[in-house]
Amino acid sequence: MMRCAKATIAVACALLSAIAGEAGACKYSVRDVAFVDILPDPYHVYIHVGADTSAETRADIAAAAAAVFLDANVTGEVVDVGVDPDHLSACDVAGPLPRMVLVSPDGRTMSLPLGETPNPSTDDIWAAIESVATSRTRRQIRRRMFDAHSIILLVEGASADGNRRAARIAADATERVRDGMDQLPKPIAKPPYTVVITADRSAEEAVLLWSLGIERAHENDAYVVALFGRMRRLAGVLTVPGATEDALFKMLDLVGQDCECTLDRAWMQGMMVPHYWDTQDETLALESLDFDPGNPLVIAEVGRIVNRPSILTDSPTDSGDGAFGYTELVVGGNSVSAAAAGLQPVNDVGAADASLGGPDDSTGLPIGATAAAIVLMALGGGAFVFVRSRRAL
């Protein structure tokens, strides 16, 4: 009888292991999930024109916005503030017209001039509008994101020592990731790739830095930002001095892992930077990932993964610096707050449409509870057999 009880317990343990293994398995990596846009949440650009803006200029603006934003995660709208002075994007925004007011998915805003005269040239209009969707640095990132593990963006400051320290942090973290890439559950072609924005190019990359939540507080500060998947920011912005190689590595170490059920998955859909995404990008993503991130079935499946309740409520690291929360450095200069503009931030991915969760996420026992019930029943059965055997003696 004792053998029977032991056998029952062994079977229960085997069932628990099998169920736990099934729960932990995930055919997508964290990096994979970041390429899938489960709830497209674009940037919005409101282009303000006024009474002095000619019909020809307005036509040029409308044509440029339609063409530039067609394949970008940005939408554009022309607003005549003479006709609609109370438009939500016009609140507390001053300056010569025409100008652009950019609104990020989390409600932050930025105001940019559109040329230097009331009727800028066609070239100036196109250059200004294109600066919202692309830039030299974003083109570099776009070329590398399909085969690289992740992108480390270094934003240099005025201090040469600080810039060297930031570069060393990136290099050391990259080396640690490279050393472990052969053990990843899903192969990635290349290790993290570093892109540098020098201090003299900050103005050129103003939109990119704003989208990442960076506004320089001190001229000597350098910043380290990790991007993964479809140009998404991973966790927070690291500031040098203060940042460490270990903090960056803890962020990067997650990218190649399975999107297993114990992870807090909300940050896997971190905010994208404004960028182009066309049919060529879709083809490159398919070749790199071995699945189509734009396929509706994939989007639905990843939506269930991201929105499924997880055991952990915090990120699976212990960085101690809150790096996985939203971090917005000083937002000033020509930016205005979302509250001042009367703009409401959109909901987080964690509050996404529950319909993407599927029936498995809202009905029935969780896998962990089911496994526990099986073990308890098995142990109960074993105990019953054991007691009966003792009585028989």
Protein backbone atom coordinates (compact mmCIF):
# COMPACT_ATOMS: atom_id res chain seq x y z
CA MET A 1 0.00 0.00 0.00
CA MET A 2 2.87 2.36 0.77
CA ARG A 3 4.16 1.75 -2.75
CA CYS A 4 0.72 2.73 -4.08
CA ALA A 5 0.75 5.97 -2.10
CA LYS A 6 4.23 6.81 -3.33
CA ALA A 7 3.22 6.03 -6.89
CA THR A 8 0.20 8.32 -6.57
CA ILE A 9 2.38 11.17 -5.32
CA ALA A 10 4.87 10.55 -8.13
CA VAL A 11 2.09 10.73 -10.72
CA ALA A 12 0.84 13.98 -9.19
CA CYS A 13 4.31 15.49 -9.32
CA ALA A 14 4.71 14.42 -12.93
CA LEU A 15 1.38 16.02 -13.81
CA LEU A 16 2.37 19.21 -12.04
CA SER A 17 5.69 19.32 -13.88
CA ALA A 18 3.99 18.77 -17.23
CA ILE A 19 1.41 21.48 -16.58
CA ALA A 20 4.01 23.90 -15.27
CA GLY A 21 6.18 23.24 -18.32
CA GLU A 22 3.24 23.91 -20.62
CA ALA A 23 2.46 27.13 -18.74
CA GLY A 24 6.04 28.35 -18.99
CA ALA A 25 6.49 27.53 -22.65
CA CYS A 26 6.06 30.37 -25.10
CA LYS A 27 6.87 30.25 -28.78
CA TYR A 28 7.55 33.99 -28.79
CA SER A 29 10.44 35.75 -27.16
CA VAL A 30 10.19 39.11 -25.43
CA ARG A 31 11.84 40.62 -28.51
CA ASP A 32 9.23 38.96 -30.75
CA VAL A 33 6.36 40.43 -28.77
CA ALA A 34 7.84 43.91 -29.15
CA PHE A 35 7.55 43.65 -32.96
CA VAL A 36 3.79 43.04 -32.74
CA ASP A 37 1.54 46.09 -32.45
CA ILE A 38 -1.51 44.73 -30.66
CA LEU A 39 -3.21 48.09 -30.14
CA PRO A 40 -1.87 50.63 -32.64
CA ASP A 41 -1.54 53.89 -30.74
CA PRO A 42 0.05 56.47 -33.03
CA TYR A 43 1.52 59.88 -32.47
CA HIS A 44 -0.67 62.77 -33.60
CA VAL A 45 0.53 65.90 -35.36
CA TYR A 46 -1.72 68.94 -35.52
CA ILE A 47 -0.45 71.43 -38.10
CA HIS A 48 -1.68 74.93 -37.27
CA VAL A 49 -2.32 77.41 -40.06
CA GLY A 50 -3.80 80.91 -39.90
CA ALA A 51 -5.21 83.73 -41.94
CA ASP A 52 -1.79 84.55 -43.40
CA THR A 53 -1.25 81.00 -44.65
CA SER A 54 -1.93 80.89 -48.37
CA ALA A 55 -4.09 78.30 -50.09
CA GLU A 56 -1.00 77.03 -51.92
CA THR A 57 0.89 76.54 -48.65
CA ARG A 58 -2.08 74.76 -47.11
CA ALA A 59 -2.24 72.42 -50.08
CA ASP A 60 1.50 71.70 -49.79
CA ILE A 61 1.12 70.96 -46.08
CA ALA A 62 -1.82 68.61 -46.61
CA ALA A 63 -0.03 66.76 -49.43
CA ALA A 64 3.21 66.38 -47.46
CA ALA A 65 1.44 65.16 -44.31
CA ALA A 66 -0.62 62.60 -46.24
CA ALA A 67 2.45 61.21 -48.01
CA VAL A 68 4.89 61.25 -45.07
CA PHE A 69 2.54 59.75 -42.49
CA LEU A 70 1.07 57.10 -44.80
CA ASP A 71 3.63 54.48 -43.69
CA ALA A 72 4.43 55.91 -40.25
CA ASN A 73 2.99 55.45 -36.77
CA VAL A 74 1.88 59.08 -36.95
CA THR A 75 -1.36 60.72 -37.98
CA GLY A 76 -1.62 64.30 -39.26
CA GLU A 77 -4.36 66.91 -39.21
CA VAL A 78 -4.39 70.51 -40.44
CA VAL A 79 -6.04 72.91 -37.97
CA ASP A 80 -7.04 76.46 -38.94
CA VAL A 81 -6.69 78.23 -35.59
CA GLY A 82 -8.38 81.30 -37.05
CA VAL A 83 -11.54 79.28 -37.54
CA ASP A 84 -11.07 77.01 -34.49
CA PRO A 85 -9.04 78.96 -31.91
CA ASP A 86 -10.22 76.67 -29.10
CA HIS A 87 -9.02 73.46 -30.70
CA LEU A 88 -7.58 71.18 -28.00
CA SER A 89 -4.13 71.29 -29.61
CA ALA A 90 -4.08 75.13 -29.69
CA CYS A 91 -4.29 75.70 -25.94
CA ASP A 92 -1.26 77.55 -24.56
CA VAL A 93 0.69 77.03 -27.79
CA ALA A 94 2.15 80.27 -29.06
CA GLY A 95 4.45 81.13 -31.92
CA PRO A 96 4.42 82.02 -35.58
CA LEU A 97 2.27 80.06 -37.98
CA PRO A 98 2.34 77.58 -39.54
CA ARG A 99 3.64 75.27 -36.80
CA MET A 100 3.25 71.67 -35.66
CA VAL A 101 2.02 70.40 -32.30
CA LEU A 102 3.10 66.80 -31.68
CA VAL A 103 1.17 64.65 -29.21
CA SER A 104 2.68 61.39 -27.96
CA PRO A 105 0.60 58.30 -27.10
CA ASP A 106 0.94 59.14 -23.40
CA GLY A 107 -0.33 62.70 -23.90
CA ARG A 108 2.92 64.70 -23.83
CA THR A 109 3.19 67.50 -26.38
CA MET A 110 5.88 69.31 -28.32
CA SER A 111 5.61 72.40 -30.51
CA LEU A 112 7.78 72.88 -33.61
CA PRO A 113 7.89 75.60 -36.27
CA LEU A 114 7.04 74.70 -39.84
CA GLY A 115 9.48 76.88 -41.75
CA GLU A 116 10.46 80.44 -40.92
CA THR A 117 7.83 82.44 -42.80
CA PRO A 118 4.01 82.40 -43.01
CA ASN A 119 4.36 80.66 -46.37
CA PRO A 120 7.46 78.43 -46.32
CA SER A 121 8.76 76.76 -49.44
CA THR A 122 7.58 73.32 -50.46
CA ASP A 123 11.02 71.89 -49.61
CA ASP A 124 10.92 73.42 -46.12
CA ILE A 125 7.44 72.04 -45.52
CA TRP A 126 8.43 68.52 -46.56
CA ALA A 127 11.67 68.63 -44.53
CA ALA A 128 9.86 69.76 -41.38
CA ILE A 129 7.09 67.17 -41.65
CA GLU A 130 9.55 64.37 -42.47
CA SER A 131 11.54 65.25 -39.34
CA VAL A 132 8.60 63.98 -37.31
CA ALA A 133 8.66 60.50 -38.87
CA THR A 134 12.37 59.96 -39.47
CA SER A 135 15.88 61.25 -38.85
CA ARG A 136 19.47 60.16 -39.34
CA THR A 137 19.52 58.20 -36.07
CA ARG A 138 16.14 56.57 -36.65
CA ARG A 139 17.30 55.43 -40.09
CA GLN A 140 20.33 53.81 -38.43
CA ILE A 141 18.11 52.06 -35.91
CA ARG A 142 15.68 50.96 -38.61
CA ARG A 143 18.45 49.26 -40.58
CA ARG A 144 19.69 47.34 -37.54
CA MET A 145 16.54 46.41 -35.63
CA PHE A 146 15.73 43.26 -37.61
CA ASP A 147 18.92 41.33 -36.89
CA ALA A 148 20.21 42.96 -33.70
CA HIS A 149 19.27 41.73 -30.24
CA SER A 150 18.47 45.35 -29.31
CA ILE A 151 19.67 48.90 -29.87
CA ILE A 152 21.60 50.87 -27.26
CA LEU A 153 21.17 54.59 -27.88
CA LEU A 154 23.85 56.84 -26.38
CA VAL A 155 22.94 60.52 -26.09
CA GLU A 156 26.16 62.36 -25.38
CA GLY A 157 26.54 65.45 -23.23
CA ALA A 158 29.21 68.13 -22.88
CA SER A 159 31.43 66.06 -20.58
CA ALA A 160 34.00 63.91 -22.35
CA ASP A 161 34.44 61.81 -19.19
CA GLY A 162 30.68 61.27 -18.95
CA ASN A 163 30.49 60.25 -22.60
CA ARG A 164 33.33 57.76 -22.14
CA ARG A 165 31.60 56.34 -19.09
CA ALA A 166 28.35 55.94 -21.03
CA ALA A 167 30.20 54.22 -23.87
CA ARG A 168 31.89 51.85 -21.43
CA ILE A 169 28.54 50.96 -19.83
CA ALA A 170 27.13 50.13 -23.27
CA ALA A 171 30.20 48.11 -24.30
CA ASP A 172 30.34 46.06 -21.08
CA ALA A 173 26.62 45.31 -21.10
CA THR A 174 26.82 44.31 -24.77
CA GLU A 175 29.67 41.91 -24.03
CA ARG A 176 27.69 40.24 -21.27
CA VAL A 177 24.69 39.82 -23.55
CA ARG A 178 26.95 38.44 -26.32
CA ASP A 179 28.39 35.85 -23.95
CA GLY A 180 24.93 34.43 -23.22
CA MET A 181 23.37 34.57 -26.67
CA ASP A 182 24.12 30.93 -27.46
CA GLN A 183 21.87 29.94 -24.55
CA LEU A 184 18.83 31.92 -25.63
CA PRO A 185 15.67 29.88 -26.27
CA LYS A 186 15.33 31.47 -29.72
CA PRO A 187 18.39 32.45 -31.77
CA ILE A 188 19.10 36.12 -32.50
CA ALA A 189 21.54 36.93 -35.28
CA LYS A 190 23.57 39.72 -33.68
CA PRO A 191 24.22 41.23 -30.24
CA PRO A 192 23.05 44.72 -29.20
CA TYR A 193 24.09 47.49 -31.57
CA THR A 194 25.08 50.91 -30.27
CA VAL A 195 24.00 54.16 -31.94
CA VAL A 196 25.46 57.48 -30.77
CA ILE A 197 23.88 60.93 -30.85
CA THR A 198 26.66 63.44 -30.33
CA ALA A 199 25.99 66.61 -28.33
CA ASP A 200 26.07 68.80 -31.43
CA ARG A 201 23.28 66.76 -33.05
CA SER A 202 20.74 67.06 -30.24
CA ALA A 203 18.72 69.71 -32.11
CA GLU A 204 18.68 67.53 -35.23
CA GLU A 205 17.24 64.66 -33.16
CA ALA A 206 14.85 66.78 -31.09
CA VAL A 207 11.76 64.75 -31.98
CA LEU A 208 13.43 61.43 -31.19
CA LEU A 209 14.73 62.66 -27.83
CA TRP A 210 11.33 64.11 -26.95
CA SER A 211 9.58 60.84 -27.84
CA LEU A 212 11.94 59.02 -25.45
CA GLY A 213 11.16 61.46 -22.63
CA ILE A 214 14.59 63.11 -22.70
CA GLU A 215 15.02 66.84 -22.17
CA ARG A 216 18.52 67.69 -21.02
CA ALA A 217 18.57 68.87 -17.39
CA HIS A 218 22.34 69.38 -17.20
CA GLU A 219 24.61 69.92 -20.17
CA ASN A 220 27.18 67.41 -18.90
CA ASP A 221 24.69 64.57 -18.55
CA ALA A 222 24.76 61.68 -20.98
CA TYR A 223 21.85 59.27 -21.43
CA VAL A 224 21.64 55.57 -22.23
CA VAL A 225 18.39 54.20 -23.67
CA ALA A 226 17.64 50.63 -24.75
CA LEU A 227 15.31 50.01 -27.71
CA PHE A 228 14.00 46.62 -28.80
CA GLY A 229 11.60 45.09 -31.27
CA ARG A 230 9.81 47.61 -33.43
CA MET A 231 11.75 50.60 -32.10
CA ARG A 232 10.21 50.39 -28.63
CA ARG A 233 11.79 51.88 -25.56
CA LEU A 234 12.77 49.20 -23.05
CA ALA A 235 12.22 50.35 -19.47
CA GLY A 236 13.54 53.76 -18.46
CA VAL A 237 16.26 56.23 -19.39
CA LEU A 238 19.61 55.79 -17.63
CA THR A 239 21.50 58.98 -16.79
CA VAL A 240 25.29 59.24 -16.62
CA PRO A 241 26.61 59.96 -14.03
CA GLY A 242 24.60 57.54 -11.92
CA ALA A 243 23.89 54.73 -14.39
CA THR A 244 25.65 51.39 -14.12
CA GLU A 245 26.49 48.61 -16.52
CA ASP A 246 24.58 46.18 -14.32
CA ALA A 247 21.36 48.22 -14.58
CA LEU A 248 21.61 48.25 -18.37
CA PHE A 249 22.41 44.54 -18.55
CA LYS A 250 19.38 43.64 -16.40
CA MET A 251 17.20 45.41 -18.94
CA LEU A 252 18.86 43.86 -21.99
CA ASP A 253 18.95 40.38 -20.46
CA LEU A 254 15.16 40.15 -20.75
CA VAL A 255 14.99 40.76 -24.49
CA GLY A 256 15.89 37.26 -25.66
CA GLN A 257 13.91 35.38 -23.02
CA ASP A 258 10.62 33.53 -23.44
CA CYS A 259 7.53 35.62 -22.78
CA GLU A 260 6.76 33.16 -20.00
CA CYS A 261 3.75 33.49 -17.76
CA THR A 262 5.71 34.69 -14.70
CA LEU A 263 6.78 37.90 -16.41
CA ASP A 264 4.97 41.18 -16.03
CA ARG A 265 4.27 41.64 -19.72
CA ALA A 266 2.95 45.22 -19.81
CA TRP A 267 6.38 46.71 -20.60
CA MET A 268 6.82 44.35 -23.59
CA GLN A 269 4.65 46.80 -25.54
CA GLY A 270 6.65 49.84 -24.45
CA MET A 271 6.14 53.07 -26.35
CA MET A 272 7.54 53.22 -29.88
CA VAL A 273 9.44 56.19 -31.23
CA PRO A 274 7.91 57.85 -34.32
CA HIS A 275 9.11 55.89 -37.34
CA TYR A 276 8.31 54.52 -40.78
CA TRP A 277 7.00 50.97 -41.17
CA ASP A 278 6.29 49.91 -44.75
CA THR A 279 5.96 46.70 -46.76
CA GLN A 280 9.73 46.30 -46.95
CA ASP A 281 9.92 46.42 -43.15
CA GLU A 282 7.15 43.83 -42.93
CA THR A 283 9.12 41.53 -45.25
CA LEU A 284 12.34 41.96 -43.26
CA ALA A 285 10.49 41.28 -40.02
CA LEU A 286 8.96 38.10 -41.44
CA GLU A 287 12.39 36.85 -42.57
CA SER A 288 14.00 37.68 -39.24
CA LEU A 289 11.30 36.44 -36.87
CA ASP A 290 9.92 33.46 -38.83
CA PHE A 291 6.41 34.80 -38.35
CA ASP A 292 4.45 37.79 -39.64
CA PRO A 293 3.99 40.35 -36.82
CA GLY A 294 1.17 41.95 -38.79
CA ASN A 295 -0.86 38.75 -39.15
CA PRO A 296 -4.23 39.18 -37.36
CA LEU A 297 -3.92 35.73 -35.77
CA VAL A 298 -0.47 36.60 -34.43
CA ILE A 299 -1.74 39.95 -33.14
CA ALA A 300 -4.62 38.22 -31.34
CA GLU A 301 -2.32 35.58 -29.84
CA VAL A 302 0.23 38.13 -28.64
CA GLY A 303 -2.64 40.23 -27.30
CA ARG A 304 -3.68 37.31 -25.12
CA ILE A 305 -0.09 36.88 -23.92
CA VAL A 306 0.36 40.55 -23.05
CA ASN A 307 -3.01 40.93 -21.34
CA ARG A 308 -3.01 37.63 -19.47
CA PRO A 309 -2.67 38.19 -15.70
CA SER A 310 0.83 37.39 -14.52
CA ILE A 311 2.09 36.12 -11.19
CA LEU A 312 4.52 39.00 -10.80
CA THR A 313 3.21 42.55 -10.58
CA ASP A 314 6.65 44.09 -10.99
CA SER A 315 9.31 43.64 -13.62
CA PRO A 316 11.37 40.46 -13.22
CA THR A 317 14.48 42.38 -12.21
CA ASP A 318 15.68 43.99 -9.05
CA SER A 319 17.35 47.06 -10.44
CA GLY A 320 16.31 49.12 -7.45
CA ASP A 321 16.07 52.29 -9.50
CA GLY A 322 12.57 52.02 -10.88
CA ALA A 323 14.00 51.68 -14.36
CA PHE A 324 11.02 49.71 -15.61
CA GLY A 325 8.54 52.42 -14.73
CA TYR A 326 7.80 55.38 -16.98
CA THR A 327 10.54 57.96 -16.56
CA GLU A 328 10.18 61.43 -17.97
CA LEU A 329 13.13 63.72 -17.54
CA VAL A 330 12.62 67.46 -17.44
CA VAL A 331 10.20 68.45 -20.17
CA GLY A 332 10.62 72.12 -20.87
CA GLY A 333 11.76 74.46 -23.58
CA ASN A 334 9.22 74.54 -26.36
CA SER A 335 7.16 71.72 -24.91
CA VAL A 336 3.83 72.21 -23.19
CA SER A 337 2.19 69.82 -20.78
CA ALA A 338 -0.70 67.59 -21.73
CA ALA A 339 -2.77 69.12 -18.96
CA ALA A 340 -2.08 72.62 -20.23
CA ALA A 341 -3.09 71.61 -23.73
CA GLY A 342 -6.25 69.91 -22.51
CA LEU A 343 -5.08 66.62 -23.98
CA GLN A 344 -5.85 63.35 -22.26
CA PRO A 345 -3.25 60.56 -22.24
CA VAL A 346 -4.37 57.28 -23.74
CA ASN A 347 -4.76 54.14 -21.69
CA ASP A 348 -1.79 51.88 -21.00
CA VAL A 349 -1.47 48.49 -22.66
CA GLY A 350 -2.31 46.97 -19.31
CA ALA A 351 -5.79 48.48 -19.68
CA ALA A 352 -6.18 47.18 -23.21
CA ASP A 353 -9.44 45.82 -24.57
CA ALA A 354 -10.20 42.71 -22.55
CA SER A 355 -11.68 41.09 -25.64
CA LEU A 356 -8.14 40.34 -26.77
CA GLY A 357 -7.71 38.17 -23.71
CA GLY A 358 -9.85 35.35 -25.06
CA PRO A 359 -11.97 32.94 -23.07
CA ASP A 360 -8.98 31.32 -21.39
CA ASP A 361 -8.19 34.57 -19.60
CA SER A 362 -11.59 35.15 -18.04
CA THR A 363 -13.07 31.73 -17.37
CA GLY A 364 -11.99 28.60 -15.55
CA LEU A 365 -9.25 28.08 -13.01
CA PRO A 366 -5.80 29.56 -13.66
CA ILE A 367 -3.21 26.98 -14.65
CA GLY A 368 -1.45 27.30 -11.30
CA ALA A 369 -4.69 26.71 -9.37
CA THR A 370 -5.59 23.75 -11.57
CA ALA A 371 -2.19 22.18 -11.00
CA ALA A 372 -2.48 22.73 -7.26
CA ALA A 373 -5.91 21.09 -7.23
CA ILE A 374 -4.56 18.05 -9.06
CA VAL A 375 -1.71 17.70 -6.59
CA LEU A 376 -4.03 18.07 -3.59
CA MET A 377 -6.41 15.46 -4.94
CA ALA A 378 -3.54 13.10 -5.65
CA LEU A 379 -2.01 13.64 -2.22
CA GLY A 380 -5.43 13.16 -0.65
CA GLY A 381 -5.87 9.91 -2.50
CA GLY A 382 -2.44 8.76 -1.41
CA ALA A 383 -3.14 9.68 2.20
CA PHE A 384 -6.45 7.78 2.08
CA VAL A 385 -4.67 4.68 0.81
CA PHE A 386 -1.99 5.05 3.49
CA VAL A 387 -4.58 5.35 6.30
CA ARG A 388 -6.48 2.31 5.06
CA SER A 389 -3.23 0.33 4.95
CA ARG A 390 -2.43 1.34 8.53
CA ARG A 391 -5.88 0.27 9.71
CA ALA A 392 -5.48 -3.07 7.93
CA LEU A 393 -2.40 -3.64 10.04
